[in-house]
C-alpha cells in the first residue's frame, strides 16, 4: 500500500512538472486557443478567460513591433476569420 501511495505521488508531481513546462513555452496561453484558427472573428467574443494583455490584429492594421511573451495576439484574415493565435 505504501508503494502505491508513493507512485501516486510521483505521478502527480510529474503532471505538475509537465504543466509548468508548458506554461514556460506558452506564457500567453496561445496553444489552448488554437481551436479558434479558421473560425469567424466574432467567435472570439464568446471565449471566456482571455488574458487582459490581448491584441486582435485586423488586416493592414498597424501594430507595435515590441515583443511581449505574455501578450496574446489573434490575427484576423481579410475574410474575417482567425488566421493565427500567437504569443508576442
C-alpha atoms as a PDB file:
ATOM      1  CA  UNK A   1       0.000   0.000   0.000  1.00  0.00           C
ATOM      2  CA  UNK A   2       2.860   2.383   0.787  1.00  0.00           C
ATOM      3  CA  UNK A   3       4.403   1.715  -2.612  1.00  0.00           C
ATOM      4  CA  UNK A   4       1.118   2.554  -4.315  1.00  0.00           C
ATOM      5  CA  UNK A   5       0.918   5.834  -2.388  1.00  0.00           C
ATOM      6  CA  UNK A   6       4.480   6.738  -3.350  1.00  0.00           C
ATOM      7  CA  UNK A   7       3.810   6.005  -7.033  1.00  0.00           C
ATOM      8  CA  UNK A   8       0.632   8.074  -6.967  1.00  0.00           C
ATOM      9  CA  UNK A   9       2.580  11.000  -5.506  1.00  0.00           C
ATOM     10  CA  UNK A  10       5.314  10.701  -8.136  1.00  0.00           C
ATOM     11  CA  UNK A  11       2.779  10.611 -10.950  1.00  0.00           C
ATOM     12  CA  UNK A  12       1.078  13.731  -9.568  1.00  0.00           C
ATOM     13  CA  UNK A  13       4.426  15.550  -9.382  1.00  0.00           C
ATOM     14  CA  UNK A  14       5.255  14.554 -12.954  1.00  0.00           C
ATOM     15  CA  UNK A  15       1.958  16.062 -14.093  1.00  0.00           C
ATOM     16  CA  UNK A  16       2.723  19.316 -12.287  1.00  0.00           C
ATOM     17  CA  UNK A  17       6.150  19.493 -13.879  1.00  0.00           C
ATOM     18  CA  UNK A  18       4.635  18.974 -17.323  1.00  0.00           C
ATOM     19  CA  UNK A  19       2.123  21.791 -16.717  1.00  0.00           C
ATOM     20  CA  UNK A  20       4.878  24.143 -15.569  1.00  0.00           C
ATOM     21  CA  UNK A  21       6.972  23.345 -18.639  1.00  0.00           C
ATOM     22  CA  UNK A  22       4.073  24.071 -20.962  1.00  0.00           C
ATOM     23  CA  UNK A  23       3.492  27.455 -19.245  1.00  0.00           C
ATOM     24  CA  UNK A  24       7.138  28.351 -19.805  1.00  0.00           C
ATOM     25  CA  UNK A  25       6.812  27.521 -23.511  1.00  0.00           C
ATOM     26  CA  UNK A  26       3.403  29.163 -23.832  1.00  0.00           C
ATOM     27  CA  UNK A  27       3.207  32.079 -21.360  1.00  0.00           C
ATOM     28  CA  UNK A  28       0.225  33.734 -23.085  1.00  0.00           C
ATOM     29  CA  UNK A  29      -1.898  30.580 -23.430  1.00  0.00           C
ATOM     30  CA  UNK A  30      -1.985  30.554 -27.244  1.00  0.00           C
ATOM     31  CA  UNK A  31      -1.776  26.767 -27.531  1.00  0.00           C
ATOM     32  CA  UNK A  32      -5.093  26.334 -25.717  1.00  0.00           C
ATOM     33  CA  UNK A  33      -6.780  28.667 -28.223  1.00  0.00           C
ATOM     34  CA  UNK A  34      -5.566  27.115 -31.470  1.00  0.00           C
ATOM     35  CA  UNK A  35      -9.079  25.756 -31.993  1.00  0.00           C
ATOM     36  CA  UNK A  36     -10.072  29.325 -32.954  1.00  0.00           C
ATOM     37  CA  UNK A  37      -7.990  29.220 -36.143  1.00  0.00           C
ATOM     38  CA  UNK A  38     -10.381  29.141 -39.084  1.00  0.00           C
ATOM     39  CA  UNK A  39     -13.377  30.292 -37.064  1.00  0.00           C
ATOM     40  CA  UNK A  40     -15.219  33.567 -37.511  1.00  0.00           C
ATOM     41  CA  UNK A  41     -13.659  36.522 -35.688  1.00  0.00           C
ATOM     42  CA  UNK A  42     -16.909  37.104 -33.796  1.00  0.00           C
ATOM     43  CA  UNK A  43     -16.328  33.759 -32.029  1.00  0.00           C
ATOM     44  CA  UNK A  44     -13.573  35.434 -30.016  1.00  0.00           C
ATOM     45  CA  UNK A  45     -16.209  37.308 -28.012  1.00  0.00           C
ATOM     46  CA  UNK A  46     -17.572  34.015 -26.647  1.00  0.00           C
ATOM     47  CA  UNK A  47     -14.208  32.848 -25.286  1.00  0.00           C
ATOM     48  CA  UNK A  48     -14.016  33.151 -21.519  1.00  0.00           C
ATOM     49  CA  UNK A  49     -10.816  33.793 -19.624  1.00  0.00           C
ATOM     50  CA  UNK A  50      -8.911  35.631 -22.324  1.00  0.00           C
ATOM     51  CA  UNK A  51      -5.889  37.458 -20.920  1.00  0.00           C
ATOM     52  CA  UNK A  52      -6.064  41.193 -20.336  1.00  0.00           C
ATOM     53  CA  UNK A  53      -2.966  41.523 -22.465  1.00  0.00           C
ATOM     54  CA  UNK A  54      -4.770  40.699 -25.731  1.00  0.00           C
ATOM     55  CA  UNK A  55      -4.400  42.131 -29.208  1.00  0.00           C
ATOM     56  CA  UNK A  56      -6.810  41.327 -32.045  1.00  0.00           C
ATOM     57  CA  UNK A  57      -4.973  42.285 -35.222  1.00  0.00           C
ATOM     58  CA  UNK A  58      -7.077  43.048 -38.280  1.00  0.00           C
ATOM     59  CA  UNK A  59      -5.694  43.026 -41.861  1.00  0.00           C
ATOM     60  CA  UNK A  60      -3.456  46.028 -42.625  1.00  0.00           C
ATOM     61  CA  UNK A  61      -3.771  47.233 -39.027  1.00  0.00           C
ATOM     62  CA  UNK A  62      -0.632  48.947 -37.739  1.00  0.00           C
ATOM     63  CA  UNK A  63       0.789  47.378 -34.582  1.00  0.00           C
ATOM     64  CA  UNK A  64       3.852  47.989 -32.486  1.00  0.00           C
ATOM     65  CA  UNK A  65       6.745  45.625 -33.063  1.00  0.00           C
ATOM     66  CA  UNK A  66       7.659  45.267 -29.392  1.00  0.00           C
ATOM     67  CA  UNK A  67       7.598  41.669 -28.180  1.00  0.00           C
ATOM     68  CA  UNK A  68       5.741  40.711 -25.010  1.00  0.00           C
ATOM     69  CA  UNK A  69       5.732  36.980 -24.343  1.00  0.00           C
ATOM     70  CA  UNK A  70       2.651  37.277 -22.146  1.00  0.00           C
ATOM     71  CA  UNK A  71       0.609  39.148 -24.760  1.00  0.00           C
ATOM     72  CA  UNK A  72      -1.849  37.088 -26.809  1.00  0.00           C
ATOM     73  CA  UNK A  73      -2.078  38.105 -30.470  1.00  0.00           C
ATOM     74  CA  UNK A  74      -5.046  36.922 -32.534  1.00  0.00           C
ATOM     75  CA  UNK A  75      -4.618  37.642 -36.233  1.00  0.00           C
ATOM     76  CA  UNK A  76      -7.725  38.074 -38.406  1.00  0.00           C
ATOM     77  CA  UNK A  77      -7.593  37.477 -42.169  1.00  0.00           C
ATOM     78  CA  UNK A  78      -9.405  39.525 -44.883  1.00  0.00           C
ATOM     79  CA  UNK A  79     -12.369  37.109 -44.765  1.00  0.00           C
ATOM     80  CA  UNK A  80     -12.883  37.925 -41.053  1.00  0.00           C
ATOM     81  CA  UNK A  81     -11.561  34.529 -39.946  1.00  0.00           C
ATOM     82  CA  UNK A  82      -8.964  33.833 -37.262  1.00  0.00           C
ATOM     83  CA  UNK A  83      -5.717  33.171 -39.124  1.00  0.00           C
ATOM     84  CA  UNK A  84      -3.187  32.792 -36.279  1.00  0.00           C
ATOM     85  CA  UNK A  85      -3.072  32.735 -32.485  1.00  0.00           C
ATOM     86  CA  UNK A  86       0.378  33.502 -31.047  1.00  0.00           C
ATOM     87  CA  UNK A  87       2.222  34.972 -28.126  1.00  0.00           C
ATOM     88  CA  UNK A  88       4.024  38.211 -28.736  1.00  0.00           C
END
